[in-house]
Amino acid sequence: EDIAARALKPQGGVNFIRTFKKQAEDQAVNLPPNLDEL
């Protein structure tokens, strides 16, 4: 997390990086049900 935060430099730093959650399904072949919202 700290490496990604230093590389991408998002607002909120490492705390923002921690808001990302890995999905149970492989996202290479699945799209989120709320795609229009995102």
Full PDB file with SEQRES, HELIX, SHEET, SSBOND, CRYST1, ORIGX, SCALE, CONECT and MASTER records, all heavy atoms in Angstrom:
SEQRES   1 A   38  GLU ASP ILE ALA ALA ARG ALA LEU LYS PRO GLN GLY GLY          
SEQRES   2 A   38  VAL ASN PHE ILE ARG THR PHE LYS LYS GLN ALA GLU ASP          
SEQRES   3 A   38  GLN ALA VAL ASN LEU PRO PRO ASN LEU ASP GLU LEU              
HELIX    1 AA1 ASP A    2  LEU A    8  1                                   7    
HELIX    2 AA2 GLY A   13  ILE A   17  1                                   5    
CRYST1    1.000    1.000    1.000  90.00  90.00  90.00 P 1           1          
ORIGX1      1.000000  0.000000  0.000000        0.00000                         
ORIGX2      0.000000  1.000000  0.000000        0.00000                         
ORIGX3      0.000000  0.000000  1.000000        0.00000                         
SCALE1      1.000000  0.000000  0.000000        0.00000                         
SCALE2      0.000000  1.000000  0.000000        0.00000                         
SCALE3      0.000000  0.000000  1.000000        0.00000                         
ATOM      1  N   GLU A   1       0.809  -1.216   0.000  1.00  0.00           N  
ATOM      2  CA  GLU A   1       0.000   0.000   0.000  1.00  0.00           C  
ATOM      3  C   GLU A   1       0.844   1.269   0.000  1.00  0.00           C  
ATOM      4  O   GLU A   1       0.551   2.223  -0.717  1.00  0.00           O  
ATOM      5  CB  GLU A   1      -0.933  -0.004   1.210  1.00  0.00           C  
ATOM      6  CG  GLU A   1      -1.994  -1.103   1.166  1.00  0.00           C  
ATOM      7  CD  GLU A   1      -2.785  -1.186   2.455  1.00  0.00           C  
ATOM      8  OE1 GLU A   1      -2.292  -0.655   3.486  1.00  0.00           O  
ATOM      9  OE2 GLU A   1      -3.876  -1.774   2.439  1.00  0.00           O  
ATOM     10  N   ASP A   2       1.898   1.294   0.819  1.00  0.00           N  
ATOM     11  CA  ASP A   2       2.709   2.507   0.907  1.00  0.00           C  
ATOM     12  C   ASP A   2       3.471   2.752  -0.395  1.00  0.00           C  
ATOM     13  O   ASP A   2       3.668   3.900  -0.799  1.00  0.00           O  
ATOM     14  CB  ASP A   2       3.667   2.425   2.091  1.00  0.00           C  
ATOM     15  CG  ASP A   2       4.654   1.269   1.968  1.00  0.00           C  
ATOM     16  OD1 ASP A   2       4.222   0.178   1.541  1.00  0.00           O  
ATOM     17  OD2 ASP A   2       5.847   1.460   2.273  1.00  0.00           O  
ATOM     18  N   ILE A   3       3.875   1.678  -1.073  1.00  0.00           N  
ATOM     19  CA  ILE A   3       4.591   1.817  -2.344  1.00  0.00           C  
ATOM     20  C   ILE A   3       3.650   2.352  -3.421  1.00  0.00           C  
ATOM     21  O   ILE A   3       3.994   3.248  -4.198  1.00  0.00           O  
ATOM     22  CB  ILE A   3       5.196   0.474  -2.783  1.00  0.00           C  
ATOM     23  CG1 ILE A   3       6.161  -0.059  -1.736  1.00  0.00           C  
ATOM     24  CG2 ILE A   3       5.874   0.607  -4.141  1.00  0.00           C  
ATOM     25  CD1 ILE A   3       7.339   0.843  -1.464  1.00  0.00           C  
ATOM     26  N   ALA A   4       2.421   1.806  -3.475  1.00  0.00           N  
ATOM     27  CA  ALA A   4       1.439   2.278  -4.449  1.00  0.00           C  
ATOM     28  C   ALA A   4       1.100   3.743  -4.206  1.00  0.00           C  
ATOM     29  O   ALA A   4       0.951   4.527  -5.150  1.00  0.00           O  
ATOM     30  CB  ALA A   4       0.186   1.416  -4.382  1.00  0.00           C  
ATOM     31  N   ALA A   5       0.986   4.133  -2.926  1.00  0.00           N  
ATOM     32  CA  ALA A   5       0.659   5.522  -2.595  1.00  0.00           C  
ATOM     33  C   ALA A   5       1.769   6.466  -3.037  1.00  0.00           C  
ATOM     34  O   ALA A   5       1.513   7.552  -3.565  1.00  0.00           O  
ATOM     35  CB  ALA A   5       0.403   5.651  -1.099  1.00  0.00           C  
ATOM     36  N   ARG A   6       3.011   6.079  -2.825  1.00  0.00           N  
ATOM     37  CA  ARG A   6       4.137   6.931  -3.223  1.00  0.00           C  
ATOM     38  C   ARG A   6       4.273   7.009  -4.743  1.00  0.00           C  
ATOM     39  O   ARG A   6       4.690   8.037  -5.286  1.00  0.00           O  
ATOM     40  CB  ARG A   6       5.430   6.407  -2.596  1.00  0.00           C  
ATOM     41  CG  ARG A   6       5.470   6.536  -1.079  1.00  0.00           C  
ATOM     42  CD  ARG A   6       6.772   6.030  -0.494  1.00  0.00           C  
ATOM     43  NE  ARG A   6       7.914   6.832  -0.924  1.00  0.00           N  
ATOM     44  CZ  ARG A   6       9.163   6.612  -0.508  1.00  0.00           C  
ATOM     45  NH1 ARG A   6       9.416   5.617   0.336  1.00  0.00           N  
ATOM     46  NH2 ARG A   6      10.151   7.384  -0.939  1.00  0.00           N  
ATOM     47  N   ALA A   7       3.922   5.931  -5.434  1.00  0.00           N  
ATOM     48  CA  ALA A   7       4.037   5.926  -6.896  1.00  0.00           C  
ATOM     49  C   ALA A   7       2.909   6.724  -7.556  1.00  0.00           C  
ATOM     50  O   ALA A   7       3.144   7.487  -8.507  1.00  0.00           O  
ATOM     51  CB  ALA A   7       4.025   4.487  -7.407  1.00  0.00           C  
ATOM     52  N   LEU A   8       1.668   6.569  -7.058  1.00  0.00           N  
ATOM     53  CA  LEU A   8       0.507   7.182  -7.701  1.00  0.00           C  
ATOM     54  C   LEU A   8       0.151   8.548  -7.142  1.00  0.00           C  
ATOM     55  O   LEU A   8      -0.571   9.315  -7.794  1.00  0.00           O  
ATOM     56  CB  LEU A   8      -0.699   6.234  -7.584  1.00  0.00           C  
ATOM     57  CG  LEU A   8      -0.511   4.856  -8.234  1.00  0.00           C  
ATOM     58  CD1 LEU A   8      -1.714   3.960  -7.949  1.00  0.00           C  
ATOM     59  CD2 LEU A   8      -0.293   4.995  -9.736  1.00  0.00           C  
ATOM     60  N   LYS A   9       0.576   8.825  -5.890  1.00  0.00           N  
ATOM     61  CA  LYS A   9       0.374  10.122  -5.244  1.00  0.00           C  
ATOM     62  C   LYS A   9      -1.085  10.586  -5.272  1.00  0.00           C  
ATOM     63  O   LYS A   9      -1.403  11.709  -5.708  1.00  0.00           O  
ATOM     64  CB  LYS A   9       1.264  11.189  -5.887  1.00  0.00           C  
ATOM     65  CG  LYS A   9       2.758  10.933  -5.727  1.00  0.00           C  
ATOM     66  CD  LYS A   9       3.585  12.031  -6.372  1.00  0.00           C  
ATOM     67  CE  LYS A   9       5.059  11.872  -6.083  1.00  0.00           C  
ATOM     68  NZ  LYS A   9       5.615  10.579  -6.510  1.00  0.00           N  
ATOM     69  N   PRO A  10      -2.043   9.761  -4.815  1.00  0.00           N  
ATOM     70  CA  PRO A  10      -3.450  10.184  -4.823  1.00  0.00           C  
ATOM     71  C   PRO A  10      -3.749  11.149  -3.669  1.00  0.00           C  
ATOM     72  O   PRO A  10      -2.998  11.217  -2.677  1.00  0.00           O  
ATOM     73  CB  PRO A  10      -4.186   8.864  -4.607  1.00  0.00           C  
ATOM     74  CG  PRO A  10      -3.252   8.067  -3.745  1.00  0.00           C  
ATOM     75  CD  PRO A  10      -1.868   8.422  -4.216  1.00  0.00           C  
ATOM     76  N   GLN A  11      -4.840  11.913  -3.804  1.00  0.00           N  
ATOM     77  CA  GLN A  11      -5.311  12.697  -2.667  1.00  0.00           C  
ATOM     78  C   GLN A  11      -5.718  11.736  -1.558  1.00  0.00           C  
ATOM     79  O   GLN A  11      -6.443  10.783  -1.794  1.00  0.00           O  
ATOM     80  CB  GLN A  11      -6.508  13.565  -3.077  1.00  0.00           C  
ATOM     81  CG  GLN A  11      -6.176  14.646  -4.104  1.00  0.00           C  
ATOM     82  CD  GLN A  11      -7.388  15.483  -4.453  1.00  0.00           C  
ATOM     83  OE1 GLN A  11      -8.420  15.436  -3.770  1.00  0.00           O  
ATOM     84  NE2 GLN A  11      -7.278  16.250  -5.532  1.00  0.00           N  
ATOM     85  N   GLY A  12      -5.274  11.993  -0.361  1.00  0.00           N  
ATOM     86  CA  GLY A  12      -5.575  11.097   0.751  1.00  0.00           C  
ATOM     87  C   GLY A  12      -4.472  10.079   0.992  1.00  0.00           C  
ATOM     88  O   GLY A  12      -4.524   9.349   1.984  1.00  0.00           O  
ATOM     89  N   GLY A  13      -3.495   9.998   0.066  1.00  0.00           N  
ATOM     90  CA  GLY A  13      -2.339   9.148   0.279  1.00  0.00           C  
ATOM     91  C   GLY A  13      -2.676   7.686   0.491  1.00  0.00           C  
ATOM     92  O   GLY A  13      -3.570   7.127  -0.159  1.00  0.00           O  
ATOM     93  N   VAL A  14      -1.990   7.056   1.441  1.00  0.00           N  
ATOM     94  CA  VAL A  14      -2.142   5.624   1.653  1.00  0.00           C  
ATOM     95  C   VAL A  14      -3.541   5.278   2.141  1.00  0.00           C  
ATOM     96  O   VAL A  14      -4.052   4.177   1.881  1.00  0.00           O  
ATOM     97  CB  VAL A  14      -1.062   5.110   2.628  1.00  0.00           C  
ATOM     98  CG1 VAL A  14      -1.326   5.603   4.070  1.00  0.00           C  
ATOM     99  CG2 VAL A  14      -0.977   3.580   2.597  1.00  0.00           C  
ATOM    100  N   ASN A  15      -4.199   6.209   2.846  1.00  0.00           N  
ATOM    101  CA  ASN A  15      -5.558   5.930   3.312  1.00  0.00           C  
ATOM    102  C   ASN A  15      -6.526   5.770   2.140  1.00  0.00           C  
ATOM    103  O   ASN A  15      -7.463   4.960   2.197  1.00  0.00           O  
ATOM    104  CB  ASN A  15      -6.042   7.055   4.244  1.00  0.00           C  
ATOM    105  CG  ASN A  15      -5.327   7.046   5.572  1.00  0.00           C  
ATOM    106  OD1 ASN A  15      -4.964   5.969   6.074  1.00  0.00           O  
ATOM    107  ND2 ASN A  15      -5.106   8.210   6.149  1.00  0.00           N  
ATOM    108  N   PHE A  16      -6.305   6.553   1.072  1.00  0.00           N  
ATOM    109  CA  PHE A  16      -7.145   6.395  -0.123  1.00  0.00           C  
ATOM    110  C   PHE A  16      -6.852   5.052  -0.800  1.00  0.00           C  
ATOM    111  O   PHE A  16      -7.779   4.367  -1.245  1.00  0.00           O  
ATOM    112  CB  PHE A  16      -6.907   7.542  -1.095  1.00  0.00           C  
ATOM    113  CG  PHE A  16      -7.702   7.425  -2.366  1.00  0.00           C  
ATOM    114  CD1 PHE A  16      -9.070   7.676  -2.371  1.00  0.00           C  
ATOM    115  CD2 PHE A  16      -7.095   7.047  -3.557  1.00  0.00           C  
ATOM    116  CE1 PHE A  16      -9.808   7.546  -3.533  1.00  0.00           C  
ATOM    117  CE2 PHE A  16      -7.827   6.921  -4.722  1.00  0.00           C  
ATOM    118  CZ  PHE A  16      -9.193   7.177  -4.718  1.00  0.00           C  
ATOM    119  N   ILE A  17      -5.605   4.663  -0.868  1.00  0.00           N  
ATOM    120  CA  ILE A  17      -5.238   3.376  -1.458  1.00  0.00           C  
ATOM    121  C   ILE A  17      -5.938   2.239  -0.712  1.00  0.00           C  
ATOM    122  O   ILE A  17      -6.393   1.252  -1.332  1.00  0.00           O  
ATOM    123  CB  ILE A  17      -3.705   3.172  -1.435  1.00  0.00           C  
ATOM    124  CG1 ILE A  17      -3.012   4.197  -2.345  1.00  0.00           C  
ATOM    125  CG2 ILE A  17      -3.334   1.751  -1.852  1.00  0.00           C  
ATOM    126  CD1 ILE A  17      -3.325   4.068  -3.811  1.00  0.00           C  
ATOM    127  N   ARG A  18      -6.096   2.381   0.584  1.00  0.00           N  
ATOM    128  CA  ARG A  18      -6.726   1.331   1.395  1.00  0.00           C  
ATOM    129  C   ARG A  18      -8.216   1.199   1.157  1.00  0.00           C  
ATOM    130  O   ARG A  18      -8.851   0.228   1.589  1.00  0.00           O  
ATOM    131  CB  ARG A  18      -6.460   1.599   2.887  1.00  0.00           C  
ATOM    132  CG  ARG A  18      -5.018   1.329   3.283  1.00  0.00           C  
ATOM    133  CD  ARG A  18      -4.704   1.818   4.674  1.00  0.00           C  
ATOM    134  NE  ARG A  18      -3.309   1.507   5.017  1.00  0.00           N  
ATOM    135  CZ  ARG A  18      -2.629   2.105   5.998  1.00  0.00           C  
ATOM    136  NH1 ARG A  18      -3.231   3.062   6.739  1.00  0.00           N  
ATOM    137  NH2 ARG A  18      -1.382   1.771   6.231  1.00  0.00           N  
ATOM    138  N   THR A  19      -8.820   2.180   0.440  1.00  0.00           N  
ATOM    139  CA  THR A  19     -10.252   2.067   0.135  1.00  0.00           C  
ATOM    140  C   THR A  19     -10.510   1.094  -1.014  1.00  0.00           C  
ATOM    141  O   THR A  19     -11.658   0.713  -1.262  1.00  0.00           O  
ATOM    142  CB  THR A  19     -10.850   3.435  -0.232  1.00  0.00           C  
ATOM    143  OG1 THR A  19     -10.260   3.922  -1.455  1.00  0.00           O  
ATOM    144  CG2 THR A  19     -10.612   4.453   0.888  1.00  0.00           C  
ATOM    145  N   PHE A  20      -9.462   0.710  -1.746  1.00  0.00           N  
ATOM    146  CA  PHE A  20      -9.608  -0.259  -2.846  1.00  0.00           C  
ATOM    147  C   PHE A  20      -9.685  -1.665  -2.267  1.00  0.00           C  
ATOM    148  O   PHE A  20      -8.862  -2.057  -1.440  1.00  0.00           O  
ATOM    149  CB  PHE A  20      -8.415  -0.172  -3.806  1.00  0.00           C  
ATOM    150  CG  PHE A  20      -8.414   1.076  -4.654  1.00  0.00           C  
ATOM    151  CD1 PHE A  20      -8.014   2.303  -4.121  1.00  0.00           C  
ATOM    152  CD2 PHE A  20      -8.813   1.036  -5.983  1.00  0.00           C  
ATOM    153  CE1 PHE A  20      -8.012   3.445  -4.896  1.00  0.00           C  
ATOM    154  CE2 PHE A  20      -8.806   2.173  -6.764  1.00  0.00           C  
ATOM    155  CZ  PHE A  20      -8.414   3.388  -6.221  1.00  0.00           C  
ATOM    156  N   LYS A  21     -10.679  -2.429  -2.703  1.00  0.00           N  
ATOM    157  CA  LYS A  21     -10.870  -3.797  -2.210  1.00  0.00           C  
ATOM    158  C   LYS A  21     -10.810  -4.780  -3.383  1.00  0.00           C  
ATOM    159  O   LYS A  21     -11.481  -4.585  -4.394  1.00  0.00           O  
ATOM    160  CB  LYS A  21     -12.223  -3.930  -1.499  1.00  0.00           C  
ATOM    161  CG  LYS A  21     -12.406  -2.959  -0.324  1.00  0.00           C  
ATOM    162  CD  LYS A  21     -11.349  -3.174   0.764  1.00  0.00           C  
ATOM    163  CE  LYS A  21     -11.549  -2.181   1.911  1.00  0.00           C  
ATOM    164  NZ  LYS A  21     -10.482  -2.313   2.947  1.00  0.00           N  
ATOM    165  N   LYS A  22     -10.023  -5.801  -3.201  1.00  0.00           N  
ATOM    166  CA  LYS A  22      -9.891  -6.822  -4.254  1.00  0.00           C  
ATOM    167  C   LYS A  22     -11.186  -7.624  -4.345  1.00  0.00           C  
ATOM    168  O   LYS A  22     -11.718  -8.080  -3.330  1.00  0.00           O  
ATOM    169  CB  LYS A  22      -8.718  -7.758  -3.953  1.00  0.00           C  
ATOM    170  CG  LYS A  22      -8.429  -8.761  -5.074  1.00  0.00           C  
ATOM    171  CD  LYS A  22      -7.156  -9.543  -4.801  1.00  0.00           C  
ATOM    172  CE  LYS A  22      -6.887 -10.563  -5.890  1.00  0.00           C  
ATOM    173  NZ  LYS A  22      -6.691  -9.945  -7.217  1.00  0.00           N  
ATOM    174  N   GLN A  23     -11.691  -7.773  -5.568  1.00  0.00           N  
ATOM    175  CA  GLN A  23     -12.934  -8.501  -5.797  1.00  0.00           C  
ATOM    176  C   GLN A  23     -12.690 -10.015  -5.760  1.00  0.00           C  
ATOM    177  O   GLN A  23     -11.595 -10.495  -6.060  1.00  0.00           O  
ATOM    178  CB  GLN A  23     -13.528  -8.110  -7.151  1.00  0.00           C  
ATOM    179  CG  GLN A  23     -13.826  -6.628  -7.281  1.00  0.00           C  
ATOM    180  CD  GLN A  23     -14.805  -6.136  -6.233  1.00  0.00           C  
ATOM    181  OE1 GLN A  23     -15.879  -6.714  -6.053  1.00  0.00           O  
ATOM    182  NE2 GLN A  23     -14.449  -5.060  -5.528  1.00  0.00           N  
ATOM    183  N   ALA A  24     -13.720 -10.728  -5.382  1.00  0.00           N  
ATOM    184  CA  ALA A  24     -13.593 -12.188  -5.297  1.00  0.00           C  
ATOM    185  C   ALA A  24     -13.437 -12.816  -6.678  1.00  0.00           C  
ATOM    186  O   ALA A  24     -12.753 -13.824  -6.854  1.00  0.00           O  
ATOM    187  CB  ALA A  24     -14.813 -12.777  -4.581  1.00  0.00           C  
ATOM    188  N   GLU A  25     -14.072 -12.192  -7.692  1.00  0.00           N  
ATOM    189  CA  GLU A  25     -14.010 -12.709  -9.052  1.00  0.00           C  
ATOM    190  C   GLU A  25     -12.937 -11.979  -9.850  1.00  0.00           C  
ATOM    191  O   GLU A  25     -12.642 -10.812  -9.592  1.00  0.00           O  
ATOM    192  CB  GLU A  25     -15.369 -12.570  -9.748  1.00  0.00           C  
ATOM    193  CG  GLU A  25     -16.460 -13.427  -9.136  1.00  0.00           C  
ATOM    194  CD  GLU A  25     -17.768 -13.288  -9.903  1.00  0.00           C  
ATOM    195  OE1 GLU A  25     -18.191 -12.133 -10.139  1.00  0.00           O  
ATOM    196  OE2 GLU A  25     -18.358 -14.317 -10.260  1.00  0.00           O  
ATOM    197  N   ASP A  26     -12.381 -12.676 -10.816  1.00  0.00           N  
ATOM    198  CA  ASP A  26     -11.357 -12.101 -11.680  1.00  0.00           C  
ATOM    199  C   ASP A  26     -11.971 -11.007 -12.540  1.00  0.00           C  
ATOM    200  O   ASP A  26     -12.878 -11.263 -13.336  1.00  0.00           O  
ATOM    201  CB  ASP A  26     -10.758 -13.203 -12.565  1.00  0.00           C  
ATOM    202  CG  ASP A  26      -9.605 -12.690 -13.416  1.00  0.00           C  
ATOM    203  OD1 ASP A  26      -9.302 -11.480 -13.358  1.00  0.00           O  
ATOM    204  OD2 ASP A  26      -9.002 -13.511 -14.139  1.00  0.00           O  
ATOM    205  N   GLN A  27     -11.484  -9.783 -12.403  1.00  0.00           N  
ATOM    206  CA  GLN A  27     -12.071  -8.659 -13.132  1.00  0.00           C  
ATOM    207  C   GLN A  27     -11.636  -8.596 -14.590  1.00  0.00           C  
ATOM    208  O   GLN A  27     -12.043  -7.700 -15.322  1.00  0.00           O  
ATOM    209  CB  GLN A  27     -11.736  -7.354 -12.418  1.00  0.00           C  
ATOM    210  CG  GLN A  27     -12.363  -7.254 -11.042  1.00  0.00           C  
ATOM    211  CD  GLN A  27     -13.854  -7.547 -11.065  1.00  0.00           C  
ATOM    212  OE1 GLN A  27     -14.620  -6.792 -11.634  1.00  0.00           O  
ATOM    213  NE2 GLN A  27     -14.278  -8.637 -10.451  1.00  0.00           N  
ATOM    214  N   ALA A  28     -10.825  -9.548 -15.028  1.00  0.00           N  
ATOM    215  CA  ALA A  28     -10.480  -9.601 -16.447  1.00  0.00           C  
ATOM    216  C   ALA A  28     -11.682 -10.019 -17.286  1.00  0.00           C  
ATOM    217  O   ALA A  28     -11.753  -9.711 -18.476  1.00  0.00           O  
ATOM    218  CB  ALA A  28      -9.327 -10.573 -16.673  1.00  0.00           C  
ATOM    219  N   VAL A  29     -12.627 -10.730 -16.683  1.00  0.00           N  
ATOM    220  CA  VAL A  29     -13.766 -11.240 -17.437  1.00  0.00           C  
ATOM    221  C   VAL A  29     -15.104 -10.824 -16.848  1.00  0.00           C  
ATOM    222  O   VAL A  29     -16.144 -11.166 -17.380  1.00  0.00           O  
ATOM    223  CB  VAL A  29     -13.718 -12.786 -17.525  1.00  0.00           C  
ATOM    224  CG1 VAL A  29     -12.535 -13.215 -18.368  1.00  0.00           C  
ATOM    225  CG2 VAL A  29     -13.642 -13.424 -16.143  1.00  0.00           C  
ATOM    226  N   ASN A  30     -15.111 -10.080 -15.741  1.00  0.00           N  
ATOM    227  CA  ASN A  30     -16.363  -9.677 -15.103  1.00  0.00           C  
ATOM    228  C   ASN A  30     -16.441  -8.164 -14.990  1.00  0.00           C  
ATOM    229  O   ASN A  30     -15.438  -7.490 -14.743  1.00  0.00           O  
ATOM    230  CB  ASN A  30     -16.473 -10.289 -13.699  1.00  0.00           C  
ATOM    231  CG  ASN A  30     -16.649 -11.791 -13.744  1.00  0.00           C  
ATOM    232  OD1 ASN A  30     -17.681 -12.278 -14.168  1.00  0.00           O  
ATOM    233  ND2 ASN A  30     -15.633 -12.523 -13.323  1.00  0.00           N  
ATOM    234  N   LEU A  31     -17.647  -7.635 -15.186  1.00  0.00           N  
ATOM    235  CA  LEU A  31     -17.888  -6.214 -15.031  1.00  0.00           C  
ATOM    236  C   LEU A  31     -18.782  -5.982 -13.823  1.00  0.00           C  
ATOM    237  O   LEU A  31     -19.640  -6.813 -13.503  1.00  0.00           O  
ATOM    238  CB  LEU A  31     -18.559  -5.649 -16.285  1.00  0.00           C  
ATOM    239  CG  LEU A  31     -17.704  -5.657 -17.560  1.00  0.00           C  
ATOM    240  CD1 LEU A  31     -18.550  -5.211 -18.744  1.00  0.00           C  
ATOM    241  CD2 LEU A  31     -16.503  -4.757 -17.395  1.00  0.00           C  
ATOM    242  N   PRO A  32     -18.616  -4.849 -13.135  1.00  0.00           N  
ATOM    243  CA  PRO A  32     -19.447  -4.581 -11.953  1.00  0.00           C  
ATOM    244  C   PRO A  32     -20.905  -4.377 -12.339  1.00  0.00           C  
ATOM    245  O   PRO A  32     -21.200  -3.824 -13.405  1.00  0.00           O  
ATOM    246  CB  PRO A  32     -18.835  -3.299 -11.373  1.00  0.00           C  
ATOM    247  CG  PRO A  32     -18.135  -2.665 -12.523  1.00  0.00           C  
ATOM    248  CD  PRO A  32     -17.638  -3.782 -13.381  1.00  0.00           C  
ATOM    249  N   PRO A  33     -21.844  -4.799 -11.477  1.00  0.00           N  
ATOM    250  CA  PRO A  33     -23.268  -4.634 -11.793  1.00  0.00           C  
ATOM    251  C   PRO A  33     -23.695  -3.172 -11.860  1.00  0.00           C  
ATOM    252  O   PRO A  33     -24.683  -2.841 -12.523  1.00  0.00           O  
ATOM    253  CB  PRO A  33     -23.970  -5.378 -10.643  1.00  0.00           C  
ATOM    254  CG  PRO A  33     -22.958  -5.410  -9.537  1.00  0.00           C  
ATOM    255  CD  PRO A  33     -21.624  -5.490 -10.189  1.00  0.00           C  
ATOM    256  N   ASN A  34     -22.955  -2.292 -11.188  1.00  0.00           N  
ATOM    257  CA  ASN A  34     -23.294  -0.864 -11.185  1.00  0.00           C  
ATOM    258  C   ASN A  34     -22.373  -0.084 -12.121  1.00  0.00           C  
ATOM    259  O   ASN A  34     -21.941   1.037 -11.810  1.00  0.00           O  
ATOM    260  CB  ASN A  34     -23.213  -0.300  -9.771  1.00  0.00           C  
ATOM    261  CG  ASN A  34     -21.821  -0.461  -9.160  1.00  0.00           C  
ATOM    262  OD1 ASN A  34     -21.055  -1.345  -9.577  1.00  0.00           O  
ATOM    263  ND2 ASN A  34     -21.501   0.374  -8.179  1.00  0.00           N  
ATOM    264  N   LEU A  35     -22.084  -0.647 -13.279  1.00  0.00           N  
ATOM    265  CA  LEU A  35     -21.148  -0.030 -14.220  1.00  0.00           C  
ATOM    266  C   LEU A  35     -21.586   1.383 -14.615  1.00  0.00           C  
ATOM    267  O   LEU A  35     -20.759   2.295 -14.677  1.00  0.00           O  
ATOM    268  CB  LEU A  35     -21.019  -0.916 -15.470  1.00  0.00           C  
ATOM    269  CG  LEU A  35     -20.049  -0.431 -16.556  1.00  0.00           C  
ATOM    270  CD1 LEU A  35     -18.630  -0.386 -16.019  1.00  0.00           C  
ATOM    271  CD2 LEU A  35     -20.135  -1.333 -17.779  1.00  0.00           C  
ATOM    272  N   ASP A  36     -22.880   1.576 -14.880  1.00  0.00           N  
ATOM    273  CA  ASP A  36     -23.383   2.897 -15.290  1.00  0.00           C  
ATOM    274  C   ASP A  36     -23.155   3.941 -14.209  1.00  0.00           C  
ATOM    275  O   ASP A  36     -22.929   5.119 -14.497  1.00  0.00           O  
ATOM    276  CB  ASP A  36     -24.868   2.828 -15.646  1.00  0.00           C  
ATOM    277  CG  ASP A  36     -25.125   2.037 -16.918  1.00  0.00           C  
ATOM    278  OD1 ASP A  36     -24.175   1.880 -17.707  1.00  0.00           O  
ATOM    279  OD2 ASP A  36     -26.255   1.563 -17.105  1.00  0.00           O  
ATOM    280  N   GLU A  37     -23.215   3.525 -12.960  1.00  0.00           N  
ATOM    281  CA  GLU A  37     -23.002   4.442 -11.840  1.00  0.00           C  
ATOM    282  C   GLU A  37     -21.524   4.823 -11.716  1.00  0.00           C  
ATOM    283  O   GLU A  37     -21.187   5.962 -11.373  1.00  0.00           O  
ATOM    284  CB  GLU A  37     -23.486   3.778 -10.549  1.00  0.00           C  
ATOM    285  CG  GLU A  37     -23.201   4.573  -9.286  1.00  0.00           C  
ATOM    286  CD  GLU A  37     -23.543   3.782  -8.041  1.00  0.00           C  
ATOM    287  OE1 GLU A  37     -24.379   2.863  -8.130  1.00  0.00           O  
ATOM    288  OE2 GLU A  37     -22.966   4.081  -6.991  1.00  0.00           O  
ATOM    289  N   LEU A  38     -20.642   3.864 -12.007  1.00  0.00           N  
ATOM    290  CA  LEU A  38     -19.211   4.090 -11.813  1.00  0.00           C  
ATOM    291  C   LEU A  38     -18.582   4.878 -12.957  1.00  0.00           C  
ATOM    292  O   LEU A  38     -17.704   5.715 -12.732  1.00  0.00           O  
ATOM    293  CB  LEU A  38     -18.485   2.749 -11.664  1.00  0.00           C  
ATOM    294  CG  LEU A  38     -18.902   1.873 -10.478  1.00  0.00           C  
ATOM    295  CD1 LEU A  38     -18.165   0.540 -10.527  1.00  0.00           C  
ATOM    296  CD2 LEU A  38     -18.608   2.591  -9.162  1.00  0.00           C  
TER     297      LEU A  38                                                      
MASTER        0    0    0    2    0    0    0    6  296    1    0    3          
END                                                                             
